[in-house]
Amino acid sequence: MIYVGLDVSGKSLVAYAVNERKQWMGESEGAATRAGLRALLPRMGPA
């Protein structure tokens, strides 16, 4: 399982991912909009 955390500010949205062993899986940044969030989903890996 991959756990994702979001850091949202007025201009950007950053998603951080870790696995169940608390190992860093990655991070991705996008615009703080609905379209920006949708664009981040495929970059964070399979559901």
N, C-alpha and C. Protein backbone atom coordinates (compact mmCIF):
# COMPACT_ATOMS: atom_id res chain seq x y z
N MET A 1 0.84 -1.17 0.00
CA MET A 1 0.00 0.00 0.00
C MET A 1 0.89 1.23 0.00
N ILE A 2 0.46 2.25 -0.72
CA ILE A 2 1.18 3.52 -0.78
C ILE A 2 0.31 4.58 -0.11
N TYR A 3 0.91 5.34 0.78
CA TYR A 3 0.23 6.42 1.48
C TYR A 3 0.69 7.74 0.87
N VAL A 4 -0.25 8.63 0.59
CA VAL A 4 0.06 9.90 -0.06
C VAL A 4 -0.39 11.04 0.83
N GLY A 5 0.50 12.02 1.01
CA GLY A 5 0.17 13.22 1.75
C GLY A 5 0.22 14.41 0.81
N LEU A 6 -0.63 15.39 1.04
CA LEU A 6 -0.69 16.57 0.19
C LEU A 6 -0.30 17.81 0.98
N ASP A 7 0.50 18.65 0.35
CA ASP A 7 0.87 19.95 0.90
C ASP A 7 0.34 20.98 -0.08
N VAL A 8 -0.68 21.73 0.33
CA VAL A 8 -1.35 22.66 -0.58
C VAL A 8 -1.09 24.09 -0.13
N SER A 9 -0.66 24.92 -1.07
CA SER A 9 -0.53 26.36 -0.80
C SER A 9 -1.37 27.09 -1.86
N GLY A 10 -1.31 28.38 -1.86
CA GLY A 10 -2.11 29.15 -2.81
C GLY A 10 -1.74 28.93 -4.26
N LYS A 11 -0.48 28.58 -4.53
CA LYS A 11 -0.04 28.46 -5.91
C LYS A 11 0.37 27.06 -6.33
N SER A 12 0.69 26.19 -5.36
CA SER A 12 1.15 24.85 -5.76
C SER A 12 0.60 23.77 -4.85
N LEU A 13 0.69 22.56 -5.36
CA LEU A 13 0.23 21.36 -4.67
C LEU A 13 1.36 20.35 -4.78
N VAL A 14 1.82 19.83 -3.64
CA VAL A 14 2.89 18.84 -3.65
C VAL A 14 2.35 17.57 -3.00
N ALA A 15 2.54 16.44 -3.66
CA ALA A 15 2.12 15.14 -3.14
C ALA A 15 3.36 14.34 -2.78
N TYR A 16 3.38 13.77 -1.58
CA TYR A 16 4.47 12.94 -1.10
C TYR A 16 3.95 11.53 -0.90
N ALA A 17 4.74 10.52 -1.26
CA ALA A 17 4.28 9.14 -1.13
C ALA A 17 5.30 8.29 -0.37
N VAL A 18 4.79 7.45 0.53
CA VAL A 18 5.60 6.47 1.27
C VAL A 18 4.86 5.13 1.24
N ASN A 19 5.60 4.04 1.37
CA ASN A 19 4.95 2.73 1.40
C ASN A 19 4.69 2.30 2.83
N GLU A 20 4.16 1.09 3.01
CA GLU A 20 3.80 0.62 4.35
C GLU A 20 5.02 0.43 5.26
N ARG A 21 6.21 0.35 4.68
CA ARG A 21 7.45 0.25 5.47
C ARG A 21 8.08 1.61 5.74
N LYS A 22 7.33 2.66 5.44
CA LYS A 22 7.77 4.05 5.62
C LYS A 22 8.96 4.40 4.76
N GLN A 23 9.09 3.74 3.62
CA GLN A 23 10.15 4.06 2.66
C GLN A 23 9.62 5.09 1.67
N TRP A 24 10.46 6.08 1.38
CA TRP A 24 10.13 7.16 0.47
C TRP A 24 9.87 6.61 -0.93
N MET A 25 8.72 6.93 -1.50
CA MET A 25 8.37 6.46 -2.84
C MET A 25 8.47 7.56 -3.89
N GLY A 26 8.38 8.81 -3.46
CA GLY A 26 8.51 9.91 -4.42
C GLY A 26 7.69 11.12 -4.05
N GLU A 27 7.84 12.12 -4.89
CA GLU A 27 7.09 13.36 -4.71
C GLU A 27 6.81 13.95 -6.07
N SER A 28 5.74 14.70 -6.17
CA SER A 28 5.35 15.31 -7.43
C SER A 28 4.70 16.65 -7.12
N GLU A 29 4.89 17.61 -8.01
CA GLU A 29 4.35 18.95 -7.78
C GLU A 29 3.50 19.38 -8.96
N GLY A 30 2.45 20.13 -8.67
CA GLY A 30 1.56 20.63 -9.71
C GLY A 30 0.84 21.88 -9.24
N ALA A 31 -0.03 22.38 -10.10
CA ALA A 31 -0.81 23.57 -9.77
C ALA A 31 -1.88 23.23 -8.74
N ALA A 32 -2.22 24.19 -7.89
CA ALA A 32 -3.23 23.99 -6.84
C ALA A 32 -4.63 24.23 -7.42
N THR A 33 -4.98 23.42 -8.41
CA THR A 33 -6.28 23.48 -9.06
C THR A 33 -6.82 22.06 -9.21
N ARG A 34 -8.08 21.94 -9.61
CA ARG A 34 -8.64 20.61 -9.86
C ARG A 34 -7.84 19.89 -10.95
N ALA A 35 -7.52 20.62 -12.01
CA ALA A 35 -6.75 20.03 -13.10
C ALA A 35 -5.36 19.62 -12.63
N GLY A 36 -4.75 20.43 -11.77
CA GLY A 36 -3.43 20.09 -11.24
C GLY A 36 -3.46 18.82 -10.41
N LEU A 37 -4.49 18.65 -9.59
CA LEU A 37 -4.64 17.44 -8.78
C LEU A 37 -4.87 16.22 -9.68
N ARG A 38 -5.70 16.37 -10.68
CA ARG A 38 -5.93 15.26 -11.62
C ARG A 38 -4.64 14.87 -12.34
N ALA A 39 -3.82 15.84 -12.68
CA ALA A 39 -2.56 15.56 -13.38
C ALA A 39 -1.57 14.85 -12.47
N LEU A 40 -1.64 15.07 -11.15
CA LEU A 40 -0.72 14.41 -10.22
C LEU A 40 -1.02 12.92 -10.04
N LEU A 41 -2.27 12.54 -10.14
CA LEU A 41 -2.66 11.16 -9.86
C LEU A 41 -1.90 10.12 -10.68
N PRO A 42 -1.80 10.24 -11.99
CA PRO A 42 -1.05 9.23 -12.75
C PRO A 42 0.44 9.21 -12.42
N ARG A 43 0.99 10.35 -12.04
CA ARG A 43 2.42 10.41 -11.71
C ARG A 43 2.77 9.75 -10.38
N MET A 44 1.76 9.58 -9.50
CA MET A 44 2.00 8.99 -8.19
C MET A 44 1.97 7.47 -8.21
N GLY A 45 1.64 6.87 -9.34
CA GLY A 45 1.65 5.42 -9.44
C GLY A 45 0.27 4.83 -9.55
N PRO A 46 0.20 3.50 -9.67
CA PRO A 46 -1.11 2.86 -9.84
C PRO A 46 -1.94 2.93 -8.57
N ALA A 47 -3.24 2.92 -8.75
CA ALA A 47 -4.17 2.98 -7.62
C ALA A 47 -4.26 1.65 -6.91
